[in-house]
Amino acid sequence: MEKENTFDPDLVHEIFKLVWKRKAAERGKNELSENIENEVGASSSKRIRPTFANANALKLSSELLRVFVAEAIQRAATIAEAEGSVKIEATHLERILPQLLLDF
């Protein structure tokens, strides 16, 4: 049985960490502005815990991403073929994305 190509779980983990860092920075800015507006002391700050993902969650996320991309390509190819094109273009992806997002 041939293994299908998938996204590297380490790459997915790095992307997740980048998003988590950005979200944490955004939350920090929001909390700082709220504290200034409300003049609340340090006692109201929330405990900040690191975010992490285990190996199985990363593998599953990688597989879900692979299936999502494969489905997008298949649907866009169907639209391109119906229009008589041999190449998928951005307009084909734009046409399938609303329904694809609803399906996932």
PDB file of N, CA and C in Angstrom:
ATOM      1  N   MET A   1       0.840  -1.174   0.000  1.00  0.00           N
ATOM      2  CA  MET A   1       0.000   0.000   0.000  1.00  0.00           C
ATOM      3  C   MET A   1       0.889   1.242   0.000  1.00  0.00           C
ATOM      4  N   GLU A   2       0.655   2.124  -0.954  1.00  0.00           N
ATOM      5  CA  GLU A   2       1.474   3.322  -1.079  1.00  0.00           C
ATOM      6  C   GLU A   2       0.952   4.428  -0.167  1.00  0.00           C
ATOM      7  N   LYS A   3       1.840   5.038   0.565  1.00  0.00           N
ATOM      8  CA  LYS A   3       1.462   6.110   1.476  1.00  0.00           C
ATOM      9  C   LYS A   3       1.298   7.404   0.685  1.00  0.00           C
ATOM     10  N   GLU A   4       0.170   8.092   0.909  1.00  0.00           N
ATOM     11  CA  GLU A   4      -0.073   9.353   0.219  1.00  0.00           C
ATOM     12  C   GLU A   4       0.759  10.453   0.863  1.00  0.00           C
ATOM     13  N   ASN A   5       1.150  11.407   0.051  1.00  0.00           N
ATOM     14  CA  ASN A   5       1.900  12.550   0.581  1.00  0.00           C
ATOM     15  C   ASN A   5       1.005  13.349   1.511  1.00  0.00           C
ATOM     16  N   THR A   6       1.590  13.831   2.558  1.00  0.00           N
ATOM     17  CA  THR A   6       0.853  14.647   3.512  1.00  0.00           C
ATOM     18  C   THR A   6       1.747  15.787   3.961  1.00  0.00           C
ATOM     19  N   PHE A   7       1.173  16.711   4.682  1.00  0.00           N
ATOM     20  CA  PHE A   7       1.959  17.820   5.200  1.00  0.00           C
ATOM     21  C   PHE A   7       2.782  17.343   6.389  1.00  0.00           C
ATOM     22  N   ASP A   8       3.970  17.883   6.528  1.00  0.00           N
ATOM     23  CA  ASP A   8       4.864  17.511   7.615  1.00  0.00           C
ATOM     24  C   ASP A   8       4.277  17.998   8.945  1.00  0.00           C
ATOM     25  N   PRO A   9       4.065  17.103   9.908  1.00  0.00           N
ATOM     26  CA  PRO A   9       3.523  17.529  11.197  1.00  0.00           C
ATOM     27  C   PRO A   9       4.374  18.605  11.886  1.00  0.00           C
ATOM     28  N   ASP A  10       5.697  18.580  11.669  1.00  0.00           N
ATOM     29  CA  ASP A  10       6.547  19.618  12.266  1.00  0.00           C
ATOM     30  C   ASP A  10       6.240  20.992  11.667  1.00  0.00           C
ATOM     31  N   LEU A  11       5.966  21.021  10.364  1.00  0.00           N
ATOM     32  CA  LEU A  11       5.596  22.275   9.705  1.00  0.00           C
ATOM     33  C   LEU A  11       4.269  22.791  10.250  1.00  0.00           C
ATOM     34  N   VAL A  12       3.307  21.898  10.381  1.00  0.00           N
ATOM     35  CA  VAL A  12       2.004  22.273  10.926  1.00  0.00           C
ATOM     36  C   VAL A  12       2.162  22.786  12.356  1.00  0.00           C
ATOM     37  N   HIS A  13       3.017  22.141  13.133  1.00  0.00           N
ATOM     38  CA  HIS A  13       3.262  22.576  14.512  1.00  0.00           C
ATOM     39  C   HIS A  13       3.862  23.983  14.544  1.00  0.00           C
ATOM     40  N   GLU A  14       4.804  24.259  13.666  1.00  0.00           N
ATOM     41  CA  GLU A  14       5.406  25.595  13.608  1.00  0.00           C
ATOM     42  C   GLU A  14       4.369  26.650  13.230  1.00  0.00           C
ATOM     43  N   ILE A  15       3.488  26.310  12.305  1.00  0.00           N
ATOM     44  CA  ILE A  15       2.416  27.240  11.924  1.00  0.00           C
ATOM     45  C   ILE A  15       1.499  27.489  13.107  1.00  0.00           C
ATOM     46  N   PHE A  16       1.121  26.420  13.811  1.00  0.00           N
ATOM     47  CA  PHE A  16       0.285  26.570  14.998  1.00  0.00           C
ATOM     48  C   PHE A  16       0.957  27.469  16.032  1.00  0.00           C
ATOM     49  N   LYS A  17       2.247  27.240  16.282  1.00  0.00           N
ATOM     50  CA  LYS A  17       2.959  28.045  17.280  1.00  0.00           C
ATOM     51  C   LYS A  17       2.981  29.515  16.884  1.00  0.00           C
ATOM     52  N   LEU A  18       3.161  29.791  15.612  1.00  0.00           N
ATOM     53  CA  LEU A  18       3.159  31.171  15.139  1.00  0.00           C
ATOM     54  C   LEU A  18       1.803  31.827  15.401  1.00  0.00           C
ATOM     55  N   VAL A  19       0.736  31.106  15.095  1.00  0.00           N
ATOM     56  CA  VAL A  19      -0.611  31.637  15.335  1.00  0.00           C
ATOM     57  C   VAL A  19      -0.849  31.835  16.828  1.00  0.00           C
ATOM     58  N   TRP A  20      -0.420  30.864  17.646  1.00  0.00           N
ATOM     59  CA  TRP A  20      -0.604  30.989  19.093  1.00  0.00           C
ATOM     60  C   TRP A  20       0.143  32.202  19.643  1.00  0.00           C
ATOM     61  N   LYS A  21       1.360  32.448  19.153  1.00  0.00           N
ATOM     62  CA  LYS A  21       2.132  33.612  19.614  1.00  0.00           C
ATOM     63  C   LYS A  21       1.424  34.907  19.256  1.00  0.00           C
ATOM     64  N   ARG A  22       0.913  34.968  18.036  1.00  0.00           N
ATOM     65  CA  ARG A  22       0.197  36.176  17.606  1.00  0.00           C
ATOM     66  C   ARG A  22      -1.058  36.401  18.433  1.00  0.00           C
ATOM     67  N   LYS A  23      -1.800  35.341  18.688  1.00  0.00           N
ATOM     68  CA  LYS A  23      -3.014  35.450  19.507  1.00  0.00           C
ATOM     69  C   LYS A  23      -2.675  35.884  20.931  1.00  0.00           C
ATOM     70  N   ALA A  24      -1.598  35.335  21.490  1.00  0.00           N
ATOM     71  CA  ALA A  24      -1.194  35.703  22.849  1.00  0.00           C
ATOM     72  C   ALA A  24      -0.790  37.171  22.906  1.00  0.00           C
ATOM     73  N   ALA A  25      -0.067  37.639  21.894  1.00  0.00           N
ATOM     74  CA  ALA A  25       0.329  39.046  21.857  1.00  0.00           C
ATOM     75  C   ALA A  25      -0.898  39.944  21.739  1.00  0.00           C
ATOM     76  N   GLU A  26      -1.842  39.523  20.930  1.00  0.00           N
ATOM     77  CA  GLU A  26      -3.081  40.291  20.764  1.00  0.00           C
ATOM     78  C   GLU A  26      -3.871  40.347  22.066  1.00  0.00           C
ATOM     79  N   ARG A  27      -3.957  39.197  22.752  1.00  0.00           N
ATOM     80  CA  ARG A  27      -4.653  39.168  24.047  1.00  0.00           C
ATOM     81  C   ARG A  27      -3.955  40.061  25.056  1.00  0.00           C
ATOM     82  N   GLY A  28      -2.619  40.040  25.033  1.00  0.00           N
ATOM     83  CA  GLY A  28      -1.853  40.870  25.961  1.00  0.00           C
ATOM     84  C   GLY A  28      -2.126  42.348  25.743  1.00  0.00           C
ATOM     85  N   LYS A  29      -2.197  42.758  24.492  1.00  0.00           N
ATOM     86  CA  LYS A  29      -2.506  44.161  24.182  1.00  0.00           C
ATOM     87  C   LYS A  29      -3.909  44.518  24.646  1.00  0.00           C
ATOM     88  N   ASN A  30      -4.867  43.611  24.410  1.00  0.00           N
ATOM     89  CA  ASN A  30      -6.249  43.864  24.822  1.00  0.00           C
ATOM     90  C   ASN A  30      -6.373  43.954  26.333  1.00  0.00           C
ATOM     91  N   GLU A  31      -5.698  43.066  27.051  1.00  0.00           N
ATOM     92  CA  GLU A  31      -5.751  43.084  28.513  1.00  0.00           C
ATOM     93  C   GLU A  31      -5.093  44.338  29.070  1.00  0.00           C
ATOM     94  N   LEU A  32      -4.011  44.767  28.439  1.00  0.00           N
ATOM     95  CA  LEU A  32      -3.322  45.971  28.887  1.00  0.00           C
ATOM     96  C   LEU A  32      -4.222  47.187  28.733  1.00  0.00           C
ATOM     97  N   SER A  33      -4.888  47.293  27.586  1.00  0.00           N
ATOM     98  CA  SER A  33      -5.771  48.441  27.371  1.00  0.00           C
ATOM     99  C   SER A  33      -6.977  48.393  28.296  1.00  0.00           C
ATOM    100  N   GLU A  34      -7.502  47.185  28.587  1.00  0.00           N
ATOM    101  CA  GLU A  34      -8.620  47.052  29.521  1.00  0.00           C
ATOM    102  C   GLU A  34      -8.197  47.456  30.924  1.00  0.00           C
ATOM    103  N   ASN A  35      -6.988  47.049  31.344  1.00  0.00           N
ATOM    104  CA  ASN A  35      -6.503  47.391  32.674  1.00  0.00           C
ATOM    105  C   ASN A  35      -6.314  48.887  32.818  1.00  0.00           C
ATOM    106  N   ILE A  36      -5.842  49.530  31.778  1.00  0.00           N
ATOM    107  CA  ILE A  36      -5.649  50.981  31.829  1.00  0.00           C
ATOM    108  C   ILE A  36      -6.996  51.688  31.912  1.00  0.00           C
ATOM    109  N   GLU A  37      -7.970  51.228  31.118  1.00  0.00           N
ATOM    110  CA  GLU A  37      -9.295  51.843  31.124  1.00  0.00           C
ATOM    111  C   GLU A  37     -10.010  51.642  32.454  1.00  0.00           C
ATOM    112  N   ASN A  38      -9.866  50.464  33.023  1.00  0.00           N
ATOM    113  CA  ASN A  38     -10.579  50.144  34.259  1.00  0.00           C
ATOM    114  C   ASN A  38      -9.768  50.468  35.506  1.00  0.00           C
ATOM    115  N   GLU A  39      -8.515  50.828  35.334  1.00  0.00           N
ATOM    116  CA  GLU A  39      -7.608  51.116  36.445  1.00  0.00           C
ATOM    117  C   GLU A  39      -7.598  49.970  37.449  1.00  0.00           C
ATOM    118  N   VAL A  40      -7.460  48.756  36.944  1.00  0.00           N
ATOM    119  CA  VAL A  40      -7.440  47.568  37.783  1.00  0.00           C
ATOM    120  C   VAL A  40      -5.997  47.196  38.055  1.00  0.00           C
ATOM    121  N   GLY A  41      -5.730  46.719  39.258  1.00  0.00           N
ATOM    122  CA  GLY A  41      -4.378  46.346  39.642  1.00  0.00           C
ATOM    123  C   GLY A  41      -3.944  45.023  39.056  1.00  0.00           C
ATOM    124  N   ALA A  42      -2.751  44.620  39.404  1.00  0.00           N
ATOM    125  CA  ALA A  42      -2.167  43.380  38.888  1.00  0.00           C
ATOM    126  C   ALA A  42      -2.906  42.147  39.389  1.00  0.00           C
ATOM    127  N   SER A  43      -3.698  42.271  40.423  1.00  0.00           N
ATOM    128  CA  SER A  43      -4.379  41.107  40.972  1.00  0.00           C
ATOM    129  C   SER A  43      -5.421  40.534  40.020  1.00  0.00           C
ATOM    130  N   SER A  44      -5.842  41.304  39.018  1.00  0.00           N
ATOM    131  CA  SER A  44      -6.870  40.813  38.102  1.00  0.00           C
ATOM    132  C   SER A  44      -6.292  40.112  36.872  1.00  0.00           C
ATOM    133  N   SER A  45      -4.971  40.049  36.754  1.00  0.00           N
ATOM    134  CA  SER A  45      -4.379  39.423  35.567  1.00  0.00           C
ATOM    135  C   SER A  45      -4.605  37.915  35.590  1.00  0.00           C
ATOM    136  N   LYS A  46      -4.810  37.370  34.394  1.00  0.00           N
ATOM    137  CA  LYS A  46      -5.034  35.940  34.276  1.00  0.00           C
ATOM    138  C   LYS A  46      -3.702  35.211  34.199  1.00  0.00           C
ATOM    139  N   ARG A  47      -3.724  33.976  34.625  1.00  0.00           N
ATOM    140  CA  ARG A  47      -2.522  33.151  34.555  1.00  0.00           C
ATOM    141  C   ARG A  47      -2.308  32.732  33.105  1.00  0.00           C
ATOM    142  N   ILE A  48      -1.123  32.949  32.597  1.00  0.00           N
ATOM    143  CA  ILE A  48      -0.813  32.613  31.219  1.00  0.00           C
ATOM    144  C   ILE A  48      -0.156  31.244  31.174  1.00  0.00           C
ATOM    145  N   ARG A  49      -0.777  30.327  30.447  1.00  0.00           N
ATOM    146  CA  ARG A  49      -0.246  28.978  30.310  1.00  0.00           C
ATOM    147  C   ARG A  49       0.196  28.761  28.870  1.00  0.00           C
ATOM    148  N   PRO A  50       1.265  28.031  28.663  1.00  0.00           N
ATOM    149  CA  PRO A  50       1.711  27.762  27.287  1.00  0.00           C
ATOM    150  C   PRO A  50       0.723  26.840  26.570  1.00  0.00           C
ATOM    151  N   THR A  51       0.612  27.047  25.276  1.00  0.00           N
ATOM    152  CA  THR A  51      -0.259  26.215  24.452  1.00  0.00           C
ATOM    153  C   THR A  51       0.599  25.175  23.753  1.00  0.00           C
ATOM    154  N   PHE A  52       0.112  23.951  23.673  1.00  0.00           N
ATOM    155  CA  PHE A  52       0.880  22.901  23.020  1.00  0.00           C
ATOM    156  C   PHE A  52      -0.082  21.930  22.331  1.00  0.00           C
ATOM    157  N   ALA A  53       0.469  21.086  21.466  1.00  0.00           N
ATOM    158  CA  ALA A  53      -0.314  20.053  20.789  1.00  0.00           C
ATOM    159  C   ALA A  53       0.474  18.747  20.839  1.00  0.00           C
ATOM    160  N   ASN A  54      -0.219  17.659  21.077  1.00  0.00           N
ATOM    161  CA  ASN A  54       0.487  16.380  21.115  1.00  0.00           C
ATOM    162  C   ASN A  54       0.686  15.843  19.689  1.00  0.00           C
ATOM    163  N   ALA A  55       1.475  14.811  19.558  1.00  0.00           N
ATOM    164  CA  ALA A  55       1.859  14.278  18.248  1.00  0.00           C
ATOM    165  C   ALA A  55       0.653  13.779  17.454  1.00  0.00           C
ATOM    166  N   ASN A  56      -0.291  13.139  18.113  1.00  0.00           N
ATOM    167  CA  ASN A  56      -1.475  12.638  17.399  1.00  0.00           C
ATOM    168  C   ASN A  56      -2.316  13.782  16.843  1.00  0.00           C
ATOM    169  N   ALA A  57      -2.445  14.862  17.600  1.00  0.00           N
ATOM    170  CA  ALA A  57      -3.205  16.017  17.118  1.00  0.00           C
ATOM    171  C   ALA A  57      -2.524  16.639  15.908  1.00  0.00           C
ATOM    172  N   LEU A  58      -1.203  16.680  15.909  1.00  0.00           N
ATOM    173  CA  LEU A  58      -0.475  17.232  14.773  1.00  0.00           C
ATOM    174  C   LEU A  58      -0.617  16.351  13.539  1.00  0.00           C
ATOM    175  N   LYS A  59      -0.565  15.033  13.724  1.00  0.00           N
ATOM    176  CA  LYS A  59      -0.756  14.110  12.596  1.00  0.00           C
ATOM    177  C   LYS A  59      -2.157  14.253  12.015  1.00  0.00           C
ATOM    178  N   LEU A  60      -3.136  14.346  12.888  1.00  0.00           N
ATOM    179  CA  LEU A  60      -4.516  14.500  12.446  1.00  0.00           C
ATOM    180  C   LEU A  60      -4.720  15.826  11.715  1.00  0.00           C
ATOM    181  N   SER A  61      -4.138  16.897  12.235  1.00  0.00           N
ATOM    182  CA  SER A  61      -4.229  18.203  11.583  1.00  0.00           C
ATOM    183  C   SER A  61      -3.568  18.173  10.212  1.00  0.00           C
ATOM    184  N   SER A  62      -2.449  17.499  10.095  1.00  0.00           N
ATOM    185  CA  SER A  62      -1.756  17.369   8.818  1.00  0.00           C
ATOM    186  C   SER A  62      -2.609  16.618   7.809  1.00  0.00           C
ATOM    187  N   GLU A  63      -3.233  15.552   8.262  1.00  0.00           N
ATOM    188  CA  GLU A  63      -4.093  14.762   7.370  1.00  0.00           C
ATOM    189  C   GLU A  63      -5.322  15.559   6.950  1.00  0.00           C
ATOM    190  N   LEU A  64      -5.920  16.278   7.875  1.00  0.00           N
ATOM    191  CA  LEU A  64      -7.080  17.106   7.543  1.00  0.00           C
ATOM    192  C   LEU A  64      -6.709  18.177   6.524  1.00  0.00           C
ATOM    193  N   LEU A  65      -5.563  18.785   6.690  1.00  0.00           N
ATOM    194  CA  LEU A  65      -5.091  19.788   5.745  1.00  0.00           C
ATOM    195  C   LEU A  65      -4.861  19.169   4.369  1.00  0.00           C
ATOM    196  N   ARG A  66      -4.299  17.960   4.331  1.00  0.00           N
ATOM    197  CA  ARG A  66      -4.075  17.270   3.055  1.00  0.00           C
ATOM    198  C   ARG A  66      -5.397  16.989   2.342  1.00  0.00           C
ATOM    199  N   VAL A  67      -6.374  16.485   3.081  1.00  0.00           N
ATOM    200  CA  VAL A  67      -7.678  16.169   2.497  1.00  0.00           C
ATOM    201  C   VAL A  67      -8.358  17.446   2.004  1.00  0.00           C
ATOM    202  N   PHE A  68      -8.261  18.513   2.772  1.00  0.00           N
ATOM    203  CA  PHE A  68      -8.871  19.795   2.392  1.00  0.00           C
ATOM    204  C   PHE A  68      -8.273  20.309   1.084  1.00  0.00           C
ATOM    205  N   VAL A  69      -6.957  20.283   0.970  1.00  0.00           N
ATOM    206  CA  VAL A  69      -6.276  20.778  -0.237  1.00  0.00           C
ATOM    207  C   VAL A  69      -6.599  19.874  -1.429  1.00  0.00           C
ATOM    208  N   ALA A  70      -6.597  18.565  -1.228  1.00  0.00           N
ATOM    209  CA  ALA A  70      -6.913  17.636  -2.322  1.00  0.00           C
ATOM    210  C   ALA A  70      -8.339  17.858  -2.823  1.00  0.00           C
ATOM    211  N   GLU A  71      -9.267  18.058  -1.916  1.00  0.00           N
ATOM    212  CA  GLU A  71     -10.658  18.306  -2.303  1.00  0.00           C
ATOM    213  C   GLU A  71     -10.792  19.629  -3.045  1.00  0.00           C
ATOM    214  N   ALA A  72     -10.082  20.649  -2.582  1.00  0.00           N
ATOM    215  CA  ALA A  72     -10.121  21.945  -3.274  1.00  0.00           C
ATOM    216  C   ALA A  72      -9.594  21.816  -4.696  1.00  0.00           C
ATOM    217  N   ILE A  73      -8.503  21.089  -4.861  1.00  0.00           N
ATOM    218  CA  ILE A  73      -7.928  20.898  -6.197  1.00  0.00           C
ATOM    219  C   ILE A  73      -8.895  20.121  -7.085  1.00  0.00           C
ATOM    220  N   GLN A  74      -9.498  19.077  -6.552  1.00  0.00           N
ATOM    221  CA  GLN A  74     -10.439  18.270  -7.340  1.00  0.00           C
ATOM    222  C   GLN A  74     -11.640  19.099  -7.784  1.00  0.00           C
ATOM    223  N   ARG A  75     -12.212  19.859  -6.880  1.00  0.00           N
ATOM    224  CA  ARG A  75     -13.379  20.674  -7.235  1.00  0.00           C
ATOM    225  C   ARG A  75     -13.009  21.766  -8.239  1.00  0.00           C
ATOM    226  N   ALA A  76     -11.866  22.404  -8.040  1.00  0.00           N
ATOM    227  CA  ALA A  76     -11.431  23.443  -8.978  1.00  0.00           C
ATOM    228  C   ALA A  76     -11.144  22.843 -10.353  1.00  0.00           C
ATOM    229  N   ALA A  77     -10.585  21.647 -10.380  1.00  0.00           N
ATOM    230  CA  ALA A  77     -10.313  20.971 -11.651  1.00  0.00           C
ATOM    231  C   ALA A  77     -11.610  20.658 -12.386  1.00  0.00           C
ATOM    232  N   THR A  78     -12.638  20.273 -11.655  1.00  0.00           N
ATOM    233  CA  THR A  78     -13.935  19.988 -12.265  1.00  0.00           C
ATOM    234  C   THR A  78     -14.509  21.245 -12.916  1.00  0.00           C
ATOM    235  N   ILE A  79     -14.402  22.376 -12.232  1.00  0.00           N
ATOM    236  CA  ILE A  79     -14.888  23.649 -12.779  1.00  0.00           C
ATOM    237  C   ILE A  79     -14.065  24.033 -14.006  1.00  0.00           C
ATOM    238  N   ALA A  80     -12.758  23.902 -13.914  1.00  0.00           N
ATOM    239  CA  ALA A  80     -11.882  24.248 -15.037  1.00  0.00           C
ATOM    240  C   ALA A  80     -12.202  23.378 -16.249  1.00  0.00           C
ATOM    241  N   GLU A  81     -12.407  22.083 -16.020  1.00  0.00           N
ATOM    242  CA  GLU A  81     -12.721  21.162 -17.114  1.00  0.00           C
ATOM    243  C   GLU A  81     -14.064  21.516 -17.761  1.00  0.00           C
ATOM    244  N   ALA A  82     -15.041  21.886 -16.935  1.00  0.00           N
ATOM    245  CA  ALA A  82     -16.358  22.261 -17.461  1.00  0.00           C
ATOM    246  C   ALA A  82     -16.271  23.510 -18.337  1.00  0.00           C
ATOM    247  N   GLU A  83     -15.307  24.380 -18.045  1.00  0.00           N
ATOM    248  CA  GLU A  83     -15.114  25.594 -18.835  1.00  0.00           C
ATOM    249  C   GLU A  83     -14.183  25.357 -20.029  1.00  0.00           C
ATOM    250  N   GLY A  84     -13.672  24.150 -20.164  1.00  0.00           N
ATOM    251  CA  GLY A  84     -12.793  23.829 -21.273  1.00  0.00           C
ATOM    252  C   GLY A  84     -11.343  24.223 -21.057  1.00  0.00           C
ATOM    253  N   SER A  85     -10.971  24.477 -19.844  1.00  0.00           N
ATOM    254  CA  SER A  85      -9.598  24.858 -19.522  1.00  0.00           C
ATOM    255  C   SER A  85      -8.818  23.635 -19.047  1.00  0.00           C
ATOM    256  N   VAL A  86      -7.527  23.613 -19.338  1.00  0.00           N
ATOM    257  CA  VAL A  86      -6.685  22.507 -18.883  1.00  0.00           C
ATOM    258  C   VAL A  86      -5.859  22.912 -17.662  1.00  0.00           C
ATOM    259  N   LYS A  87      -6.024  24.147 -17.229  1.00  0.00           N
ATOM    260  CA  LYS A  87      -5.242  24.670 -16.109  1.00  0.00           C
ATOM    261  C   LYS A  87      -6.184  25.284 -15.068  1.00  0.00           C
ATOM    262  N   ILE A  88      -5.919  24.976 -13.797  1.00  0.00           N
ATOM    263  CA  ILE A  88      -6.701  25.571 -12.709  1.00  0.00           C
ATOM    264  C   ILE A  88      -6.186  26.981 -12.460  1.00  0.00           C
ATOM    265  N   GLU A  89      -7.104  27.937 -12.418  1.00  0.00           N
ATOM    266  CA  GLU A  89      -6.747  29.331 -12.163  1.00  0.00           C
ATOM    267  C   GLU A  89      -7.396  29.796 -10.868  1.00  0.00           C
ATOM    268  N   ALA A  90      -6.996  30.951 -10.422  1.00  0.00           N
ATOM    269  CA  ALA A  90      -7.514  31.498  -9.165  1.00  0.00           C
ATOM    270  C   ALA A  90      -9.031  31.645  -9.196  1.00  0.00           C
ATOM    271  N   THR A  91      -9.580  31.992 -10.340  1.00  0.00           N
ATOM    272  CA  THR A  91     -11.037  32.154 -10.430  1.00  0.00           C
ATOM    273  C   THR A  91     -11.767  30.842 -10.179  1.00  0.00           C
ATOM    274  N   HIS A  92     -11.162  29.734 -10.571  1.00  0.00           N
ATOM    275  CA  HIS A  92     -11.781  28.431 -10.306  1.00  0.00           C
ATOM    276  C   HIS A  92     -11.814  28.156  -8.803  1.00  0.00           C
ATOM    277  N   LEU A  93     -10.722  28.477  -8.133  1.00  0.00           N
ATOM    278  CA  LEU A  93     -10.680  28.293  -6.673  1.00  0.00           C
ATOM    279  C   LEU A  93     -11.665  29.221  -5.974  1.00  0.00           C
ATOM    280  N   GLU A  94     -11.777  30.445  -6.467  1.00  0.00           N
ATOM    281  CA  GLU A  94     -12.713  31.394  -5.860  1.00  0.00           C
ATOM    282  C   GLU A  94     -14.149  30.904  -5.964  1.00  0.00           C
ATOM    283  N   ARG A  95     -14.456  30.220  -7.036  1.00  0.00           N
ATOM    284  CA  ARG A  95     -15.821  29.734  -7.236  1.00  0.00           C
ATOM    285  C   ARG A  95     -16.167  28.553  -6.343  1.00  0.00           C
ATOM    286  N   ILE A  96     -15.187  27.732  -6.000  1.00  0.00           N
ATOM    287  CA  ILE A  96     -15.493  26.537  -5.191  1.00  0.00           C
ATOM    288  C   ILE A  96     -15.329  26.763  -3.693  1.00  0.00           C
ATOM    289  N   LEU A  97     -14.607  27.798  -3.304  1.00  0.00           N
ATOM    290  CA  LEU A  97     -14.296  27.984  -1.876  1.00  0.00           C
ATOM    291  C   LEU A  97     -15.509  28.139  -0.960  1.00  0.00           C
ATOM    292  N   PRO A  98     -16.539  28.921  -1.325  1.00  0.00           N
ATOM    293  CA  PRO A  98     -17.667  29.042  -0.381  1.00  0.00           C
ATOM    294  C   PRO A  98     -18.289  27.695  -0.009  1.00  0.00           C
ATOM    295  N   GLN A  99     -18.578  26.851  -0.996  1.00  0.00           N
ATOM    296  CA  GLN A  99     -19.188  25.558  -0.705  1.00  0.00           C
ATOM    297  C   GLN A  99     -18.200  24.629  -0.004  1.00  0.00           C
ATOM    298  N   LEU A 100     -16.932  24.695  -0.386  1.00  0.00           N
ATOM    299  CA  LEU A 100     -15.919  23.858   0.251  1.00  0.00           C
ATOM    300  C   LEU A 100     -15.819  24.168   1.745  1.00  0.00           C
ATOM    301  N   LEU A 101     -15.812  25.437   2.088  1.00  0.00           N
ATOM    302  CA  LEU A 101     -15.737  25.819   3.497  1.00  0.00           C
ATOM    303  C   LEU A 101     -16.982  25.383   4.265  1.00  0.00           C
ATOM    304  N   LEU A 102     -18.135  25.439   3.619  1.00  0.00           N
ATOM    305  CA  LEU A 102     -19.345  24.959   4.282  1.00  0.00           C
ATOM    306  C   LEU A 102     -19.309  23.446   4.479  1.00  0.00           C
ATOM    307  N   ASP A 103     -18.726  22.729   3.532  1.00  0.00           N
ATOM    308  CA  ASP A 103     -18.658  21.268   3.632  1.00  0.00           C
ATOM    309  C   ASP A 103     -17.685  20.796   4.704  1.00  0.00           C
ATOM    310  N   PHE A 104     -16.653  21.573   4.951  1.00  0.00           N
ATOM    311  CA  PHE A 104     -15.672  21.185   5.965  1.00  0.00           C
ATOM    312  C   PHE A 104     -16.067  21.790   7.271  1.00  0.00           C
TER     313      PHE A 104
END
